């Protein structure tokens, strides 16, 4: 899971133009992201980790921090693969 977290951190760092955020910081509350950013996260998780999404997975809380994204991936990897 630590490997996954490093991939997520690198993605967030790049997409936020090298802005450093803590693992538990709400990235949407920073005021620098929008709905396009949310879709980029979903596509990144889908492609990088092979996660298939169901409608109820698209809850903002699953994607609002590095830790939450990492936890979501951990749960989904054990349940659904594309």
C-alpha atoms as a PDB file:
ATOM      1  CA  UNK A   1       0.000   0.000   0.000  1.00  0.00           C
ATOM      2  CA  UNK A   2       2.933   2.349   0.612  1.00  0.00           C
ATOM      3  CA  UNK A   3       3.881   1.980  -3.064  1.00  0.00           C
ATOM      4  CA  UNK A   4       0.348   3.030  -4.012  1.00  0.00           C
ATOM      5  CA  UNK A   5       0.568   6.034  -1.715  1.00  0.00           C
ATOM      6  CA  UNK A   6       3.796   7.194  -3.375  1.00  0.00           C
ATOM      7  CA  UNK A   7       2.156   6.980  -6.807  1.00  0.00           C
ATOM      8  CA  UNK A   8      -0.808   9.000  -5.543  1.00  0.00           C
ATOM      9  CA  UNK A   9       1.470  11.600  -3.935  1.00  0.00           C
ATOM     10  CA  UNK A  10       3.441  11.992  -7.180  1.00  0.00           C
ATOM     11  CA  UNK A  11       0.241  12.362  -9.221  1.00  0.00           C
ATOM     12  CA  UNK A  12      -1.258  14.967  -6.866  1.00  0.00           C
ATOM     13  CA  UNK A  13       2.056  16.858  -6.708  1.00  0.00           C
ATOM     14  CA  UNK A  14       2.251  16.995 -10.511  1.00  0.00           C
ATOM     15  CA  UNK A  15      -1.388  17.878 -11.108  1.00  0.00           C
ATOM     16  CA  UNK A  16      -1.230  20.657  -8.488  1.00  0.00           C
ATOM     17  CA  UNK A  17       1.817  22.199 -10.196  1.00  0.00           C
ATOM     18  CA  UNK A  18       4.321  20.969  -7.592  1.00  0.00           C
ATOM     19  CA  UNK A  19       2.235  22.035  -4.598  1.00  0.00           C
ATOM     20  CA  UNK A  20       3.033  19.914  -1.549  1.00  0.00           C
ATOM     21  CA  UNK A  21       0.059  18.708   0.485  1.00  0.00           C
ATOM     22  CA  UNK A  22       0.005  16.469   3.535  1.00  0.00           C
ATOM     23  CA  UNK A  23      -1.451  12.995   3.194  1.00  0.00           C
ATOM     24  CA  UNK A  24      -4.545  13.861   5.201  1.00  0.00           C
ATOM     25  CA  UNK A  25      -5.124  17.387   3.844  1.00  0.00           C
ATOM     26  CA  UNK A  26      -8.420  17.921   2.002  1.00  0.00           C
ATOM     27  CA  UNK A  27      -7.209  18.834  -1.484  1.00  0.00           C
ATOM     28  CA  UNK A  28     -10.606  20.216  -2.497  1.00  0.00           C
ATOM     29  CA  UNK A  29     -10.623  22.683   0.388  1.00  0.00           C
ATOM     30  CA  UNK A  30      -7.378  24.197  -0.929  1.00  0.00           C
ATOM     31  CA  UNK A  31      -9.402  26.086  -3.522  1.00  0.00           C
ATOM     32  CA  UNK A  32      -7.049  25.203  -6.358  1.00  0.00           C
ATOM     33  CA  UNK A  33      -8.955  22.250  -7.811  1.00  0.00           C
ATOM     34  CA  UNK A  34     -12.209  21.879  -9.701  1.00  0.00           C
ATOM     35  CA  UNK A  35     -14.488  19.180 -11.105  1.00  0.00           C
ATOM     36  CA  UNK A  36     -12.046  18.476 -13.944  1.00  0.00           C
ATOM     37  CA  UNK A  37      -9.424  17.700 -11.317  1.00  0.00           C
ATOM     38  CA  UNK A  38     -11.823  15.248  -9.660  1.00  0.00           C
ATOM     39  CA  UNK A  39     -12.283  13.442 -12.966  1.00  0.00           C
ATOM     40  CA  UNK A  40      -8.514  13.333 -13.465  1.00  0.00           C
ATOM     41  CA  UNK A  41      -8.177  11.583 -10.102  1.00  0.00           C
ATOM     42  CA  UNK A  42     -10.854   9.043 -11.019  1.00  0.00           C
ATOM     43  CA  UNK A  43      -9.205   8.316 -14.373  1.00  0.00           C
ATOM     44  CA  UNK A  44      -5.773   8.049 -12.729  1.00  0.00           C
ATOM     45  CA  UNK A  45      -7.040   5.541 -10.148  1.00  0.00           C
ATOM     46  CA  UNK A  46      -8.876   3.546 -12.797  1.00  0.00           C
ATOM     47  CA  UNK A  47      -5.879   3.331 -15.129  1.00  0.00           C
ATOM     48  CA  UNK A  48      -3.024   3.079 -12.611  1.00  0.00           C
ATOM     49  CA  UNK A  49      -4.656   0.618 -10.209  1.00  0.00           C
ATOM     50  CA  UNK A  50      -7.173  -1.213 -12.422  1.00  0.00           C
ATOM     51  CA  UNK A  51     -10.160  -0.121 -10.360  1.00  0.00           C
ATOM     52  CA  UNK A  52     -13.669  -0.402 -11.817  1.00  0.00           C
ATOM     53  CA  UNK A  53     -16.020   2.196 -10.394  1.00  0.00           C
ATOM     54  CA  UNK A  54     -19.604   1.788  -9.343  1.00  0.00           C
ATOM     55  CA  UNK A  55     -21.898   4.800  -8.932  1.00  0.00           C
ATOM     56  CA  UNK A  56     -21.642   4.792  -5.131  1.00  0.00           C
ATOM     57  CA  UNK A  57     -17.814   4.882  -5.365  1.00  0.00           C
ATOM     58  CA  UNK A  58     -17.904   8.399  -6.797  1.00  0.00           C
ATOM     59  CA  UNK A  59     -18.240   9.967  -3.371  1.00  0.00           C
ATOM     60  CA  UNK A  60     -16.003  13.009  -2.890  1.00  0.00           C
ATOM     61  CA  UNK A  61     -14.781  11.626   0.434  1.00  0.00           C
ATOM     62  CA  UNK A  62     -13.059   8.772  -1.423  1.00  0.00           C
ATOM     63  CA  UNK A  63     -10.905  11.297  -3.293  1.00  0.00           C
ATOM     64  CA  UNK A  64     -10.428  14.347  -1.058  1.00  0.00           C
ATOM     65  CA  UNK A  65      -7.043  13.361   0.396  1.00  0.00           C
ATOM     66  CA  UNK A  66      -4.084  11.166  -0.418  1.00  0.00           C
ATOM     67  CA  UNK A  67      -4.924   8.903   2.526  1.00  0.00           C
ATOM     68  CA  UNK A  68      -8.563   8.556   1.454  1.00  0.00           C
ATOM     69  CA  UNK A  69      -7.602   7.742  -2.129  1.00  0.00           C
ATOM     70  CA  UNK A  70      -5.110   5.157  -0.869  1.00  0.00           C
ATOM     71  CA  UNK A  71      -7.678   3.597   1.489  1.00  0.00           C
ATOM     72  CA  UNK A  72     -10.279   3.502  -1.279  1.00  0.00           C
ATOM     73  CA  UNK A  73      -7.844   1.694  -3.595  1.00  0.00           C
ATOM     74  CA  UNK A  74      -7.035  -0.815  -0.862  1.00  0.00           C
ATOM     75  CA  UNK A  75     -10.706  -1.617  -0.347  1.00  0.00           C
ATOM     76  CA  UNK A  76     -11.542  -1.832  -4.040  1.00  0.00           C
ATOM     77  CA  UNK A  77      -8.516  -3.953  -4.999  1.00  0.00           C
ATOM     78  CA  UNK A  78      -9.928  -6.686  -2.763  1.00  0.00           C
ATOM     79  CA  UNK A  79     -13.405  -6.498  -4.281  1.00  0.00           C
ATOM     80  CA  UNK A  80     -13.605  -5.523  -7.944  1.00  0.00           C
ATOM     81  CA  UNK A  81     -11.120  -5.693 -10.756  1.00  0.00           C
ATOM     82  CA  UNK A  82     -11.802  -4.468 -14.296  1.00  0.00           C
END
